Protein backbone atom coordinates (compact mmCIF):
# COMPACT_ATOMS: atom_id res chain seq x y z
CA MET A 1 8.76 -74.59 -55.80
CA THR A 2 9.49 -75.91 -59.15
CA THR A 3 6.94 -77.85 -60.98
CA VAL A 4 7.77 -80.09 -63.96
CA THR A 5 4.82 -82.38 -65.81
CA ILE A 6 5.32 -84.43 -68.51
CA SER A 7 2.96 -86.76 -70.24
CA SER A 8 2.01 -89.24 -72.53
CA ILE A 9 -0.49 -91.85 -74.89
CA ILE A 10 1.12 -95.44 -74.53
CA ASP A 11 -0.25 -97.55 -76.95
CA ALA A 12 -1.53 -100.43 -74.68
CA PRO A 13 -4.10 -101.00 -71.96
CA VAL A 14 -3.80 -99.31 -68.88
CA GLU A 15 -3.95 -102.75 -66.89
CA LYS A 16 -0.51 -103.88 -69.09
CA VAL A 17 1.04 -100.69 -69.05
CA TRP A 18 0.21 -100.55 -65.67
CA ALA A 19 1.52 -104.06 -64.29
CA ARG A 20 4.43 -103.38 -66.20
CA ILE A 21 5.21 -100.20 -63.78
CA ARG A 22 3.62 -100.78 -60.61
CA ASP A 23 6.66 -102.75 -58.93
CA PHE A 24 8.03 -99.48 -57.15
CA ASN A 25 11.14 -101.65 -57.23
CA GLY A 26 11.14 -102.91 -60.50
CA LEU A 27 12.94 -99.58 -62.62
CA PRO A 28 15.95 -101.24 -64.27
CA SER A 29 13.07 -103.93 -65.82
CA TRP A 30 11.09 -101.00 -67.70
CA HIS A 31 13.37 -97.75 -67.80
CA PRO A 32 16.66 -97.47 -69.65
CA ARG A 33 18.15 -95.28 -66.85
CA MET A 34 18.10 -97.13 -63.82
CA VAL A 35 20.68 -100.27 -64.02
CA GLU A 36 20.12 -101.78 -60.53
CA SER A 37 17.38 -101.62 -57.68
CA HIS A 38 16.60 -102.52 -54.18
CA ILE A 39 14.14 -102.26 -51.40
CA GLU A 40 15.66 -101.22 -48.60
CA ASP A 41 15.44 -103.25 -44.73
CA GLY A 42 13.78 -106.23 -46.96
CA LYS A 43 10.38 -104.69 -46.88
CA PRO A 44 7.39 -105.32 -49.47
CA ALA A 45 7.50 -103.03 -53.03
CA THR A 46 4.18 -101.48 -51.80
CA GLU A 47 4.44 -100.59 -48.17
CA ILE A 48 4.15 -97.28 -47.69
CA GLY A 49 7.07 -95.80 -46.84
CA CYS A 50 9.61 -98.28 -48.27
CA VAL A 51 12.87 -96.98 -49.93
CA ARG A 52 13.85 -97.82 -53.31
CA ASN A 53 18.12 -97.82 -53.93
CA PHE A 54 18.46 -97.49 -57.53
CA THR A 55 21.75 -96.80 -59.59
CA LEU A 56 21.33 -94.71 -62.18
CA ALA A 57 23.03 -96.23 -66.00
CA SER A 58 25.37 -93.01 -65.41
CA GLY A 59 26.90 -94.52 -61.95
CA PRO A 60 24.67 -91.92 -59.20
CA LYS A 61 22.91 -93.98 -56.89
CA VAL A 62 19.66 -92.37 -55.81
CA ARG A 63 17.06 -93.12 -53.08
CA GLU A 64 12.99 -92.46 -52.89
CA ARG A 65 10.13 -93.24 -50.65
CA LEU A 66 7.36 -94.80 -51.47
CA THR A 67 4.20 -91.98 -50.55
CA ALA A 68 1.51 -93.42 -51.93
CA PHE A 69 0.33 -96.13 -54.41
CA SER A 70 -2.87 -97.08 -55.17
CA GLU A 71 -4.00 -100.41 -57.61
CA GLU A 72 -7.36 -98.49 -58.10
CA ASP A 73 -5.87 -95.42 -59.47
CA PHE A 74 -2.71 -97.01 -61.05
CA LEU A 75 -0.79 -94.64 -59.15
CA VAL A 76 2.27 -94.49 -57.32
CA SER A 77 3.94 -90.80 -55.33
CA TYR A 78 7.58 -91.16 -53.86
CA SER A 79 9.83 -88.28 -52.73
CA ILE A 80 13.71 -88.27 -52.94
CA ILE A 81 15.45 -89.09 -49.93
CA GLU A 82 19.12 -89.23 -51.48
CA HIS A 83 20.13 -87.28 -55.45
CA PRO A 84 23.33 -86.02 -57.40
CA ALA A 85 21.12 -83.24 -57.86
CA PRO A 86 20.84 -80.22 -55.22
CA ILE A 87 17.14 -80.72 -54.84
CA SER A 88 14.87 -80.86 -51.51
CA ASN A 89 11.45 -80.93 -50.96
CA HIS A 90 11.16 -83.20 -53.97
CA SER A 91 7.36 -85.54 -54.62
CA SER A 92 6.64 -86.89 -57.77
CA THR A 93 3.69 -88.86 -58.73
CA LEU A 94 3.37 -91.41 -61.88
CA GLN A 95 -0.34 -91.99 -62.13
CA LEU A 96 -2.07 -93.83 -65.45
CA ARG A 97 -5.29 -93.64 -66.38
CA ARG A 98 -7.56 -95.55 -69.23
CA VAL A 99 -7.77 -93.75 -72.72
CA THR A 100 -11.28 -95.45 -74.25
CA ASP A 101 -10.55 -94.20 -77.85
CA GLY A 102 -8.36 -96.98 -78.74
CA ASP A 103 -8.19 -99.00 -75.57
CA ARG A 104 -4.38 -97.11 -74.60
CA THR A 105 -3.32 -95.21 -71.78
CA TYR A 106 -2.77 -91.70 -70.59
CA ALA A 107 0.25 -91.38 -68.55
CA GLU A 108 1.43 -88.37 -66.28
CA TRP A 109 4.57 -88.06 -64.64
CA THR A 110 4.09 -84.59 -62.53
CA ALA A 111 7.39 -83.77 -59.76
CA SER A 112 7.47 -80.56 -57.64
CA PHE A 113 10.69 -79.77 -55.54
CA LYS A 114 13.15 -76.74 -54.65
CA ALA A 115 16.74 -75.91 -55.75
CA PRO A 116 18.85 -73.04 -55.69
CA ASP A 117 18.45 -70.59 -57.41
CA GLY A 118 19.88 -70.35 -61.60
CA GLU A 119 19.62 -74.63 -61.21
CA ALA A 120 15.65 -75.09 -60.72
CA ASP A 121 15.32 -75.43 -64.72
CA LYS A 122 17.81 -77.28 -65.58
CA ILE A 123 17.11 -79.57 -63.04
CA ALA A 124 13.43 -79.55 -64.38
CA ASP A 125 13.97 -80.24 -68.64
CA GLY A 126 16.92 -82.79 -66.96
CA MET A 127 14.47 -84.82 -65.09
CA GLY A 128 11.19 -84.18 -67.56
CA ALA A 129 13.52 -85.17 -70.57
CA ASN A 130 15.63 -87.91 -69.61
CA VAL A 131 13.45 -89.78 -66.77
CA PHE A 132 9.96 -89.00 -67.54
CA GLN A 133 9.95 -88.88 -71.05
CA GLY A 134 12.34 -91.51 -71.47
CA GLY A 135 10.15 -94.23 -69.11
CA PHE A 136 7.37 -92.81 -71.00
CA ASN A 137 9.61 -94.00 -74.42
CA ALA A 138 10.55 -97.09 -73.13
CA LEU A 139 6.94 -97.96 -72.36
CA GLN A 140 5.86 -96.92 -75.94
CA GLU A 141 8.60 -98.55 -77.63
CA HIS A 142 7.76 -101.72 -75.06
CA PHE A 143 4.24 -102.27 -76.05
CA THR A 144 4.61 -101.34 -79.85
CA GLY A 145 7.57 -103.45 -80.42
CA LYS A 146 9.69 -101.45 -81.73
CA SER A 147 12.17 -101.70 -78.71
């Protein structure tokens, strides 16, 4: 299994950051690499097992299943069902934690997955830089007004 973990400090209270990201169907509203999303079968976006189907800015479609959601822990976990990269056994978690020094947010996004030999590091690097760090950068820009 390959694992990637990216973390960041966001200059906003955890409740405000959570309000921005908590909607499992809301990626296009805050992540610049996602352009359209819907929850399949009309299920609520907080129902464990619901599937979000979204389009990347570069064109491919991705489907992900919600595996955990916690308002109390500011946590969302999901697994990839369909993705253009050759990965399997994927699991990701995005969790926020309160930073009391300055009323900021510690954000951590992790993923583990299997990939063919020779491709895992490239996929992990892209996921970490483009998806995880790209999302954190967009959140930081949003909350600091630098977008």
